[in-house]
Full PDB file with SEQRES, HELIX, SHEET, SSBOND, CRYST1, ORIGX, SCALE, CONECT and MASTER records, all heavy atoms in Angstrom:
SEQRES   1 A   36  GLY PRO VAL GLU LEU ALA LYS HIS ASP GLY ASN TRP GLN          
SEQRES   2 A   36  ILE GLU ARG PRO SER ALA HIS ARG ALA ASP ASN ASN ALA          
SEQRES   3 A   36  VAL ARG ALA LEU LEU SER SER ILE ARG ASN                      
HELIX    1 AA1 ASN A   24  ARG A   35  1                                  12    
SHEET    1 AA1 3 GLU A   4  HIS A   8  0                                        
SHEET    2 AA1 3 ASN A  11  ARG A  16 -1                                        
SHEET    3 AA1 3 HIS A  20  ARG A  21 -1                                        
CRYST1    1.000    1.000    1.000  90.00  90.00  90.00 P 1           1          
ORIGX1      1.000000  0.000000  0.000000        0.00000                         
ORIGX2      0.000000  1.000000  0.000000        0.00000                         
ORIGX3      0.000000  0.000000  1.000000        0.00000                         
SCALE1      1.000000  0.000000  0.000000        0.00000                         
SCALE2      0.000000  1.000000  0.000000        0.00000                         
SCALE3      0.000000  0.000000  1.000000        0.00000                         
ATOM      1  N   GLY A   1     158.740  36.911 -40.787  1.00  0.00           N  
ATOM      2  CA  GLY A   1     157.734  36.478 -41.739  1.00  0.00           C  
ATOM      3  C   GLY A   1     157.319  35.046 -41.479  1.00  0.00           C  
ATOM      4  O   GLY A   1     157.992  34.302 -40.753  1.00  0.00           O  
ATOM      5  N   PRO A   2     156.220  34.615 -42.084  1.00  0.00           N  
ATOM      6  CA  PRO A   2     155.703  33.268 -41.820  1.00  0.00           C  
ATOM      7  C   PRO A   2     156.546  32.170 -42.458  1.00  0.00           C  
ATOM      8  O   PRO A   2     157.095  32.343 -43.548  1.00  0.00           O  
ATOM      9  CB  PRO A   2     154.292  33.308 -42.422  1.00  0.00           C  
ATOM     10  CG  PRO A   2     154.375  34.356 -43.481  1.00  0.00           C  
ATOM     11  CD  PRO A   2     155.351  35.379 -42.993  1.00  0.00           C  
ATOM     12  N   VAL A   3     156.633  31.061 -41.749  1.00  0.00           N  
ATOM     13  CA  VAL A   3     157.286  29.860 -42.262  1.00  0.00           C  
ATOM     14  C   VAL A   3     156.286  28.721 -42.091  1.00  0.00           C  
ATOM     15  O   VAL A   3     155.786  28.486 -40.992  1.00  0.00           O  
ATOM     16  CB  VAL A   3     158.582  29.537 -41.493  1.00  0.00           C  
ATOM     17  CG1 VAL A   3     159.211  28.258 -42.025  1.00  0.00           C  
ATOM     18  CG2 VAL A   3     159.562  30.694 -41.570  1.00  0.00           C  
ATOM     19  N   GLU A   4     156.004  28.028 -43.185  1.00  0.00           N  
ATOM     20  CA  GLU A   4     155.044  26.923 -43.137  1.00  0.00           C  
ATOM     21  C   GLU A   4     155.745  25.614 -43.468  1.00  0.00           C  
ATOM     22  O   GLU A   4     156.512  25.531 -44.426  1.00  0.00           O  
ATOM     23  CB  GLU A   4     153.900  27.167 -44.124  1.00  0.00           C  
ATOM     24  CG  GLU A   4     153.049  28.379 -43.757  1.00  0.00           C  
ATOM     25  CD  GLU A   4     151.921  28.608 -44.752  1.00  0.00           C  
ATOM     26  OE1 GLU A   4     151.776  27.773 -45.678  1.00  0.00           O  
ATOM     27  OE2 GLU A   4     151.189  29.607 -44.609  1.00  0.00           O  
ATOM     28  N   LEU A   5     155.457  24.597 -42.646  1.00  0.00           N  
ATOM     29  CA  LEU A   5     156.017  23.269 -42.859  1.00  0.00           C  
ATOM     30  C   LEU A   5     154.889  22.247 -42.889  1.00  0.00           C  
ATOM     31  O   LEU A   5     153.867  22.410 -42.207  1.00  0.00           O  
ATOM     32  CB  LEU A   5     156.993  22.893 -41.747  1.00  0.00           C  
ATOM     33  CG  LEU A   5     158.206  23.784 -41.528  1.00  0.00           C  
ATOM     34  CD1 LEU A   5     157.949  24.757 -40.379  1.00  0.00           C  
ATOM     35  CD2 LEU A   5     159.454  22.968 -41.219  1.00  0.00           C  
ATOM     36  N   ALA A   6     155.089  21.194 -43.671  1.00  0.00           N  
ATOM     37  CA  ALA A   6     154.122  20.101 -43.736  1.00  0.00           C  
ATOM     38  C   ALA A   6     154.870  18.782 -43.791  1.00  0.00           C  
ATOM     39  O   ALA A   6     155.983  18.709 -44.310  1.00  0.00           O  
ATOM     40  CB  ALA A   6     153.210  20.260 -44.947  1.00  0.00           C  
ATOM     41  N   LYS A   7     154.245  17.751 -43.228  1.00  0.00           N  
ATOM     42  CA  LYS A   7     154.865  16.429 -43.212  1.00  0.00           C  
ATOM     43  C   LYS A   7     154.253  15.580 -44.318  1.00  0.00           C  
ATOM     44  O   LYS A   7     153.028  15.433 -44.403  1.00  0.00           O  
ATOM     45  CB  LYS A   7     154.673  15.773 -41.851  1.00  0.00           C  
ATOM     46  CG  LYS A   7     155.419  14.461 -41.698  1.00  0.00           C  
ATOM     47  CD  LYS A   7     155.597  14.063 -40.235  1.00  0.00           C  
ATOM     48  CE  LYS A   7     154.306  13.870 -39.503  1.00  0.00           C  
ATOM     49  NZ  LYS A   7     154.512  13.335 -38.138  1.00  0.00           N  
ATOM     50  N   HIS A   8     155.121  15.046 -45.183  1.00  0.00           N  
ATOM     51  CA  HIS A   8     154.691  14.191 -46.288  1.00  0.00           C  
ATOM     52  C   HIS A   8     155.448  12.872 -46.202  1.00  0.00           C  
ATOM     53  O   HIS A   8     156.689  12.864 -46.231  1.00  0.00           O  
ATOM     54  CB  HIS A   8     154.969  14.855 -47.639  1.00  0.00           C  
ATOM     55  CG  HIS A   8     154.281  16.176 -47.820  1.00  0.00           C  
ATOM     56  ND1 HIS A   8     152.929  16.289 -48.025  1.00  0.00           N  
ATOM     57  CD2 HIS A   8     154.778  17.452 -47.809  1.00  0.00           C  
ATOM     58  CE1 HIS A   8     152.615  17.573 -48.156  1.00  0.00           C  
ATOM     59  NE2 HIS A   8     153.709  18.295 -48.010  1.00  0.00           N  
ATOM     60  N   ASP A   9     154.706  11.778 -46.088  1.00  0.00           N  
ATOM     61  CA  ASP A   9     155.328  10.448 -46.025  1.00  0.00           C  
ATOM     62  C   ASP A   9     156.389  10.358 -44.938  1.00  0.00           C  
ATOM     63  O   ASP A   9     157.450   9.766 -45.115  1.00  0.00           O  
ATOM     64  CB  ASP A   9     155.929  10.072 -47.387  1.00  0.00           C  
ATOM     65  CG  ASP A   9     154.883   9.988 -48.489  1.00  0.00           C  
ATOM     66  OD1 ASP A   9     153.751   9.574 -48.183  1.00  0.00           O  
ATOM     67  OD2 ASP A   9     155.204  10.364 -49.632  1.00  0.00           O  
ATOM     68  N   GLY A  10     156.104  11.013 -43.804  1.00  0.00           N  
ATOM     69  CA  GLY A  10     157.011  10.937 -42.666  1.00  0.00           C  
ATOM     70  C   GLY A  10     158.159  11.924 -42.690  1.00  0.00           C  
ATOM     71  O   GLY A  10     158.932  11.981 -41.740  1.00  0.00           O  
ATOM     72  N   ASN A  11     158.307  12.703 -43.767  1.00  0.00           N  
ATOM     73  CA  ASN A  11     159.395  13.676 -43.876  1.00  0.00           C  
ATOM     74  C   ASN A  11     158.829  15.087 -43.924  1.00  0.00           C  
ATOM     75  O   ASN A  11     157.804  15.350 -44.568  1.00  0.00           O  
ATOM     76  CB  ASN A  11     160.237  13.409 -45.127  1.00  0.00           C  
ATOM     77  CG  ASN A  11     161.026  12.121 -45.017  1.00  0.00           C  
ATOM     78  OD1 ASN A  11     161.729  11.888 -44.043  1.00  0.00           O  
ATOM     79  ND2 ASN A  11     160.897  11.259 -46.018  1.00  0.00           N  
ATOM     80  N   TRP A  12     159.535  15.999 -43.267  1.00  0.00           N  
ATOM     81  CA  TRP A  12     159.089  17.388 -43.208  1.00  0.00           C  
ATOM     82  C   TRP A  12     159.606  18.174 -44.404  1.00  0.00           C  
ATOM     83  O   TRP A  12     160.743  17.988 -44.841  1.00  0.00           O  
ATOM     84  CB  TRP A  12     159.553  18.036 -41.909  1.00  0.00           C  
ATOM     85  CG  TRP A  12     158.738  17.605 -40.725  1.00  0.00           C  
ATOM     86  CD1 TRP A  12     159.034  16.618 -39.845  1.00  0.00           C  
ATOM     87  CD2 TRP A  12     157.479  18.139 -40.327  1.00  0.00           C  
ATOM     88  NE1 TRP A  12     158.041  16.497 -38.899  1.00  0.00           N  
ATOM     89  CE2 TRP A  12     157.073  17.420 -39.173  1.00  0.00           C  
ATOM     90  CE3 TRP A  12     156.656  19.154 -40.816  1.00  0.00           C  
ATOM     91  CZ2 TRP A  12     155.868  17.693 -38.510  1.00  0.00           C  
ATOM     92  CZ3 TRP A  12     155.460  19.433 -40.156  1.00  0.00           C  
ATOM     93  CH2 TRP A  12     155.076  18.703 -39.019  1.00  0.00           C  
ATOM     94  N   GLN A  13     158.738  19.048 -44.916  1.00  0.00           N  
ATOM     95  CA  GLN A  13     159.071  19.927 -46.034  1.00  0.00           C  
ATOM     96  C   GLN A  13     158.727  21.367 -45.656  1.00  0.00           C  
ATOM     97  O   GLN A  13     157.707  21.621 -45.009  1.00  0.00           O  
ATOM     98  CB  GLN A  13     158.281  19.549 -47.297  1.00  0.00           C  
ATOM     99  CG  GLN A  13     158.447  18.109 -47.751  1.00  0.00           C  
ATOM    100  CD  GLN A  13     159.805  17.866 -48.386  1.00  0.00           C  
ATOM    101  OE1 GLN A  13     160.388  18.770 -48.977  1.00  0.00           O  
ATOM    102  NE2 GLN A  13     160.304  16.650 -48.270  1.00  0.00           N  
ATOM    103  N   ILE A  14     159.602  22.288 -46.029  1.00  0.00           N  
ATOM    104  CA  ILE A  14     159.269  23.711 -45.892  1.00  0.00           C  
ATOM    105  C   ILE A  14     158.527  24.124 -47.156  1.00  0.00           C  
ATOM    106  O   ILE A  14     159.024  23.935 -48.265  1.00  0.00           O  
ATOM    107  CB  ILE A  14     160.544  24.562 -45.713  1.00  0.00           C  
ATOM    108  CG1 ILE A  14     161.264  24.159 -44.419  1.00  0.00           C  
ATOM    109  CG2 ILE A  14     160.200  26.050 -45.677  1.00  0.00           C  
ATOM    110  CD1 ILE A  14     162.606  24.828 -44.214  1.00  0.00           C  
ATOM    111  N   GLU A  15     157.336  24.694 -46.993  1.00  0.00           N  
ATOM    112  CA  GLU A  15     156.516  25.072 -48.146  1.00  0.00           C  
ATOM    113  C   GLU A  15     156.435  26.575 -48.353  1.00  0.00           C  
ATOM    114  O   GLU A  15     156.110  27.035 -49.449  1.00  0.00           O  
ATOM    115  CB  GLU A  15     155.103  24.483 -47.977  1.00  0.00           C  
ATOM    116  CG  GLU A  15     155.127  22.944 -47.906  1.00  0.00           C  
ATOM    117  CD  GLU A  15     153.753  22.335 -47.931  1.00  0.00           C  
ATOM    118  OE1 GLU A  15     152.779  23.034 -47.552  1.00  0.00           O  
ATOM    119  OE2 GLU A  15     153.637  21.162 -48.340  1.00  0.00           O  
ATOM    120  N   ARG A  16     156.736  27.333 -47.311  1.00  0.00           N  
ATOM    121  CA  ARG A  16     156.692  28.792 -47.407  1.00  0.00           C  
ATOM    122  C   ARG A  16     157.729  29.362 -46.469  1.00  0.00           C  
ATOM    123  O   ARG A  16     157.888  28.814 -45.373  1.00  0.00           O  
ATOM    124  CB  ARG A  16     155.273  29.279 -47.031  1.00  0.00           C  
ATOM    125  CG  ARG A  16     155.039  30.769 -47.211  1.00  0.00           C  
ATOM    126  CD  ARG A  16     153.621  31.132 -46.798  1.00  0.00           C  
ATOM    127  NE  ARG A  16     153.391  32.563 -46.890  1.00  0.00           N  
ATOM    128  CZ  ARG A  16     152.352  33.185 -46.350  1.00  0.00           C  
ATOM    129  NH1 ARG A  16     151.440  32.502 -45.676  1.00  0.00           N  
ATOM    130  NH2 ARG A  16     152.196  34.486 -46.472  1.00  0.00           N  
ATOM    131  N   PRO A  17     158.460  30.383 -46.856  1.00  0.00           N  
ATOM    132  CA  PRO A  17     158.309  31.268 -48.023  1.00  0.00           C  
ATOM    133  C   PRO A  17     158.816  30.675 -49.338  1.00  0.00           C  
ATOM    134  O   PRO A  17     158.533  31.210 -50.398  1.00  0.00           O  
ATOM    135  CB  PRO A  17     159.124  32.484 -47.629  1.00  0.00           C  
ATOM    136  CG  PRO A  17     160.175  31.947 -46.713  1.00  0.00           C  
ATOM    137  CD  PRO A  17     159.512  30.847 -45.949  1.00  0.00           C  
ATOM    138  N   SER A  18     159.602  29.592 -49.264  1.00  0.00           N  
ATOM    139  CA  SER A  18     160.045  28.922 -50.482  1.00  0.00           C  
ATOM    140  C   SER A  18     160.183  27.440 -50.170  1.00  0.00           C  
ATOM    141  O   SER A  18     160.313  27.038 -49.005  1.00  0.00           O  
ATOM    142  CB  SER A  18     161.374  29.503 -50.990  1.00  0.00           C  
ATOM    143  OG  SER A  18     162.355  29.509 -49.969  1.00  0.00           O  
ATOM    144  N   ALA A  19     160.132  26.625 -51.198  1.00  0.00           N  
ATOM    145  CA  ALA A  19     160.128  25.176 -51.006  1.00  0.00           C  
ATOM    146  C   ALA A  19     161.533  24.644 -50.757  1.00  0.00           C  
ATOM    147  O   ALA A  19     162.453  24.918 -51.541  1.00  0.00           O  
ATOM    148  CB  ALA A  19     159.513  24.497 -52.226  1.00  0.00           C  
ATOM    149  N   HIS A  20     161.687  23.892 -49.676  1.00  0.00           N  
ATOM    150  CA  HIS A  20     162.970  23.264 -49.337  1.00  0.00           C  
ATOM    151  C   HIS A  20     162.680  21.981 -48.578  1.00  0.00           C  
ATOM    152  O   HIS A  20     161.653  21.849 -47.905  1.00  0.00           O  
ATOM    153  CB  HIS A  20     163.834  24.163 -48.437  1.00  0.00           C  
ATOM    154  CG  HIS A  20     164.153  25.494 -49.009  1.00  0.00           C  
ATOM    155  ND1 HIS A  20     165.071  25.669 -50.017  1.00  0.00           N  
ATOM    156  CD2 HIS A  20     163.663  26.731 -48.719  1.00  0.00           C  
ATOM    157  CE1 HIS A  20     165.156  26.950 -50.312  1.00  0.00           C  
ATOM    158  NE2 HIS A  20     164.316  27.617 -49.546  1.00  0.00           N  
ATOM    159  N   ARG A  21     163.617  21.069 -48.651  1.00  0.00           N  
ATOM    160  CA  ARG A  21     163.565  19.940 -47.745  1.00  0.00           C  
ATOM    161  C   ARG A  21     163.874  20.457 -46.341  1.00  0.00           C  
ATOM    162  O   ARG A  21     164.781  21.274 -46.162  1.00  0.00           O  
ATOM    163  CB  ARG A  21     164.598  18.883 -48.132  1.00  0.00           C  
ATOM    164  CG  ARG A  21     164.268  18.120 -49.400  1.00  0.00           C  
ATOM    165  CD  ARG A  21     165.323  17.068 -49.688  1.00  0.00           C  
ATOM    166  NE  ARG A  21     166.651  17.661 -49.846  1.00  0.00           N  
ATOM    167  CZ  ARG A  21     167.762  16.973 -50.058  1.00  0.00           C  
ATOM    168  NH1 ARG A  21     167.718  15.655 -50.112  1.00  0.00           N  
ATOM    169  NH2 ARG A  21     168.920  17.590 -50.203  1.00  0.00           N  
ATOM    170  N   ALA A  22     163.115  19.994 -45.368  1.00  0.00           N  
ATOM    171  CA  ALA A  22     163.383  20.384 -43.987  1.00  0.00           C  
ATOM    172  C   ALA A  22     164.313  19.369 -43.336  1.00  0.00           C  
ATOM    173  O   ALA A  22     164.412  18.222 -43.768  1.00  0.00           O  
ATOM    174  CB  ALA A  22     162.081  20.485 -43.208  1.00  0.00           C  
ATOM    175  N   ASP A  23     164.992  19.823 -42.307  1.00  0.00           N  
ATOM    176  CA  ASP A  23     165.832  18.937 -41.505  1.00  0.00           C  
ATOM    177  C   ASP A  23     164.925  18.271 -40.482  1.00  0.00           C  
ATOM    178  O   ASP A  23     164.446  18.906 -39.535  1.00  0.00           O  
ATOM    179  CB  ASP A  23     166.924  19.769 -40.820  1.00  0.00           C  
ATOM    180  CG  ASP A  23     167.898  18.924 -40.008  1.00  0.00           C  
ATOM    181  OD1 ASP A  23     167.508  17.822 -39.575  1.00  0.00           O  
ATOM    182  OD2 ASP A  23     169.031  19.371 -39.807  1.00  0.00           O  
ATOM    183  N   ASN A  24     164.661  16.980 -40.668  1.00  0.00           N  
ATOM    184  CA  ASN A  24     163.741  16.280 -39.772  1.00  0.00           C  
ATOM    185  C   ASN A  24     164.164  16.378 -38.319  1.00  0.00           C  
ATOM    186  O   ASN A  24     163.334  16.511 -37.416  1.00  0.00           O  
ATOM    187  CB  ASN A  24     163.627  14.810 -40.178  1.00  0.00           C  
ATOM    188  CG  ASN A  24     162.810  14.618 -41.445  1.00  0.00           C  
ATOM    189  OD1 ASN A  24     161.892  15.390 -41.721  1.00  0.00           O  
ATOM    190  ND2 ASN A  24     163.141  13.604 -42.217  1.00  0.00           N  
ATOM    191  N   ASN A  25     165.465  16.309 -38.070  1.00  0.00           N  
ATOM    192  CA  ASN A  25     165.955  16.403 -36.690  1.00  0.00           C  
ATOM    193  C   ASN A  25     165.681  17.779 -36.102  1.00  0.00           C  
ATOM    194  O   ASN A  25     165.326  17.899 -34.920  1.00  0.00           O  
ATOM    195  CB  ASN A  25     167.451  16.096 -36.633  1.00  0.00           C  
ATOM    196  CG  ASN A  25     167.754  14.633 -36.888  1.00  0.00           C  
ATOM    197  OD1 ASN A  25     166.942  13.764 -36.591  1.00  0.00           O  
ATOM    198  ND2 ASN A  25     168.914  14.352 -37.453  1.00  0.00           N  
ATOM    199  N   ALA A  26     165.850  18.835 -36.912  1.00  0.00           N  
ATOM    200  CA  ALA A  26     165.603  20.196 -36.428  1.00  0.00           C  
ATOM    201  C   ALA A  26     164.125  20.399 -36.117  1.00  0.00           C  
ATOM    202  O   ALA A  26     163.768  21.043 -35.122  1.00  0.00           O  
ATOM    203  CB  ALA A  26     166.084  21.208 -37.462  1.00  0.00           C  
ATOM    204  N   VAL A  27     163.247  19.847 -36.959  1.00  0.00           N  
ATOM    205  CA  VAL A  27     161.808  19.975 -36.713  1.00  0.00           C  
ATOM    206  C   VAL A  27     161.415  19.189 -35.471  1.00  0.00           C  
ATOM    207  O   VAL A  27     160.632  19.656 -34.633  1.00  0.00           O  
ATOM    208  CB  VAL A  27     161.000  19.511 -37.938  1.00  0.00           C  
ATOM    209  CG1 VAL A  27     159.499  19.595 -37.644  1.00  0.00           C  
ATOM    210  CG2 VAL A  27     161.337  20.356 -39.161  1.00  0.00           C  
ATOM    211  N   ARG A  28     161.972  17.995 -35.327  1.00  0.00           N  
ATOM    212  CA  ARG A  28     161.682  17.198 -34.126  1.00  0.00           C  
ATOM    213  C   ARG A  28     162.156  17.922 -32.871  1.00  0.00           C  
ATOM    214  O   ARG A  28     161.497  17.858 -31.824  1.00  0.00           O  
ATOM    215  CB  ARG A  28     162.331  15.820 -34.230  1.00  0.00           C  
ATOM    216  CG  ARG A  28     161.551  14.847 -35.118  1.00  0.00           C  
ATOM    217  CD  ARG A  28     162.031  13.420 -34.933  1.00  0.00           C  
ATOM    218  NE  ARG A  28     163.344  13.219 -35.532  1.00  0.00           N  
ATOM    219  CZ  ARG A  28     163.543  12.750 -36.746  1.00  0.00           C  
ATOM    220  NH1 ARG A  28     162.510  12.432 -37.511  1.00  0.00           N  
ATOM    221  NH2 ARG A  28     164.761  12.573 -37.214  1.00  0.00           N  
ATOM    222  N   ALA A  29     163.308  18.591 -32.952  1.00  0.00           N  
ATOM    223  CA  ALA A  29     163.817  19.339 -31.796  1.00  0.00           C  
ATOM    224  C   ALA A  29     162.883  20.489 -31.440  1.00  0.00           C  
ATOM    225  O   ALA A  29     162.657  20.778 -30.257  1.00  0.00           O  
ATOM    226  CB  ALA A  29     165.223  19.859 -32.098  1.00  0.00           C  
ATOM    227  N   LEU A  30     162.327  21.158 -32.462  1.00  0.00           N  
ATOM    228  CA  LEU A  30     161.379  22.245 -32.214  1.00  0.00           C  
ATOM    229  C   LEU A  30     160.131  21.701 -31.520  1.00  0.00           C  
ATOM    230  O   LEU A  30     159.658  22.273 -30.525  1.00  0.00           O  
ATOM    231  CB  LEU A  30     161.009  22.927 -33.528  1.00  0.00           C  
ATOM    232  CG  LEU A  30     159.879  23.966 -33.453  1.00  0.00           C  
ATOM    233  CD1 LEU A  30     160.273  25.129 -32.556  1.00  0.00           C  
ATOM    234  CD2 LEU A  30     159.514  24.462 -34.843  1.00  0.00           C  
ATOM    235  N   LEU A  31     159.578  20.599 -32.023  1.00  0.00           N  
ATOM    236  CA  LEU A  31     158.396  20.009 -31.404  1.00  0.00           C  
ATOM    237  C   LEU A  31     158.688  19.556 -29.976  1.00  0.00           C  
ATOM    238  O   LEU A  31     157.851  19.693 -29.076  1.00  0.00           O  
ATOM    239  CB  LEU A  31     157.903  18.832 -32.243  1.00  0.00           C  
ATOM    240  CG  LEU A  31     157.284  19.185 -33.604  1.00  0.00           C  
ATOM    241  CD1 LEU A  31     156.965  17.917 -34.383  1.00  0.00           C  
ATOM    242  CD2 LEU A  31     156.034  20.035 -33.432  1.00  0.00           C  
ATOM    243  N   SER A  32     159.880  19.018 -29.765  1.00  0.00           N  
ATOM    244  CA  SER A  32     160.266  18.597 -28.420  1.00  0.00           C  
ATOM    245  C   SER A  32     160.335  19.795 -27.469  1.00  0.00           C  
ATOM    246  O   SER A  32     159.904  19.713 -26.314  1.00  0.00           O  
ATOM    247  CB  SER A  32     161.616  17.873 -28.463  1.00  0.00           C  
ATOM    248  OG  SER A  32     162.050  17.525 -27.169  1.00  0.00           O  
ATOM    249  N   SER A  33     160.858  20.920 -27.965  1.00  0.00           N  
ATOM    250  CA  SER A  33     160.941  22.130 -27.136  1.00  0.00           C  
ATOM    251  C   SER A  33     159.552  22.621 -26.751  1.00  0.00           C  
ATOM    252  O   SER A  33     159.321  23.043 -25.613  1.00  0.00           O  
ATOM    253  CB  SER A  33     161.685  23.238 -27.890  1.00  0.00           C  
ATOM    254  OG  SER A  33     163.031  22.882 -28.126  1.00  0.00           O  
ATOM    255  N   ILE A  34     158.604  22.555 -27.699  1.00  0.00           N  
ATOM    256  CA  ILE A  34     157.239  22.981 -27.417  1.00  0.00           C  
ATOM    257  C   ILE A  34     156.581  22.040 -26.414  1.00  0.00           C  
ATOM    258  O   ILE A  34     155.952  22.462 -25.438  1.00  0.00           O  
ATOM    259  CB  ILE A  34     156.421  23.039 -28.729  1.00  0.00           C  
ATOM    260  CG1 ILE A  34     157.017  24.080 -29.680  1.00  0.00           C  
ATOM    261  CG2 ILE A  34     154.960  23.348 -28.445  1.00  0.00           C  
ATOM    262  CD1 ILE A  34     156.447  24.031 -31.080  1.00  0.00           C  
ATOM    263  N   ARG A  35     156.726  20.739 -26.656  1.00  0.00           N  
ATOM    264  CA  ARG A  35     156.104  19.743 -25.785  1.00  0.00           C  
ATOM    265  C   ARG A  35     156.653  19.803 -24.366  1.00  0.00           C  
ATOM    266  O   ARG A  35     155.923  19.573 -23.394  1.00  0.00           O  
ATOM    267  CB  ARG A  35     156.307  18.348 -26.376  1.00  0.00           C  
ATOM    268  CG  ARG A  35     155.866  17.210 -25.490  1.00  0.00           C  
ATOM    269  CD  ARG A  35     155.919  15.872 -26.213  1.00  0.00           C  
ATOM    270  NE  ARG A  35     157.068  15.716 -27.066  1.00  0.00           N  
ATOM    271  CZ  ARG A  35     158.275  15.360 -26.660  1.00  0.00           C  
ATOM    272  NH1 ARG A  35     158.497  15.142 -25.368  1.00  0.00           N  
ATOM    273  NH2 ARG A  35     159.273  15.210 -27.533  1.00  0.00           N  
ATOM    274  N   ASN A  36     157.927  20.094 -24.224  1.00  0.00           N  
ATOM    275  CA  ASN A  36     158.572  20.088 -22.910  1.00  0.00           C  
ATOM    276  C   ASN A  36     158.520  21.425 -22.191  1.00  0.00           C  
ATOM    277  O   ASN A  36     159.113  21.571 -21.113  1.00  0.00           O  
ATOM    278  CB  ASN A  36     160.034  19.646 -23.051  1.00  0.00           C  
ATOM    279  CG  ASN A  36     160.155  18.169 -23.388  1.00  0.00           C  
ATOM    280  OD1 ASN A  36     159.435  17.343 -22.830  1.00  0.00           O  
ATOM    281  ND2 ASN A  36     161.036  17.823 -24.305  1.00  0.00           N  
TER     282      ASN A  36                                                      
MASTER        0    0    0    1    3    0    0    6  281    1    0    3          
END                                                                             
């Protein structure tokens, strides 16, 4: 299922399927994997 994240004030938040604080390091690792 879909997972949506948004960055607010420099910190990542999970907005869907439910609201949670995201692990900034985990999101950065995902972006690094895509970029590399």
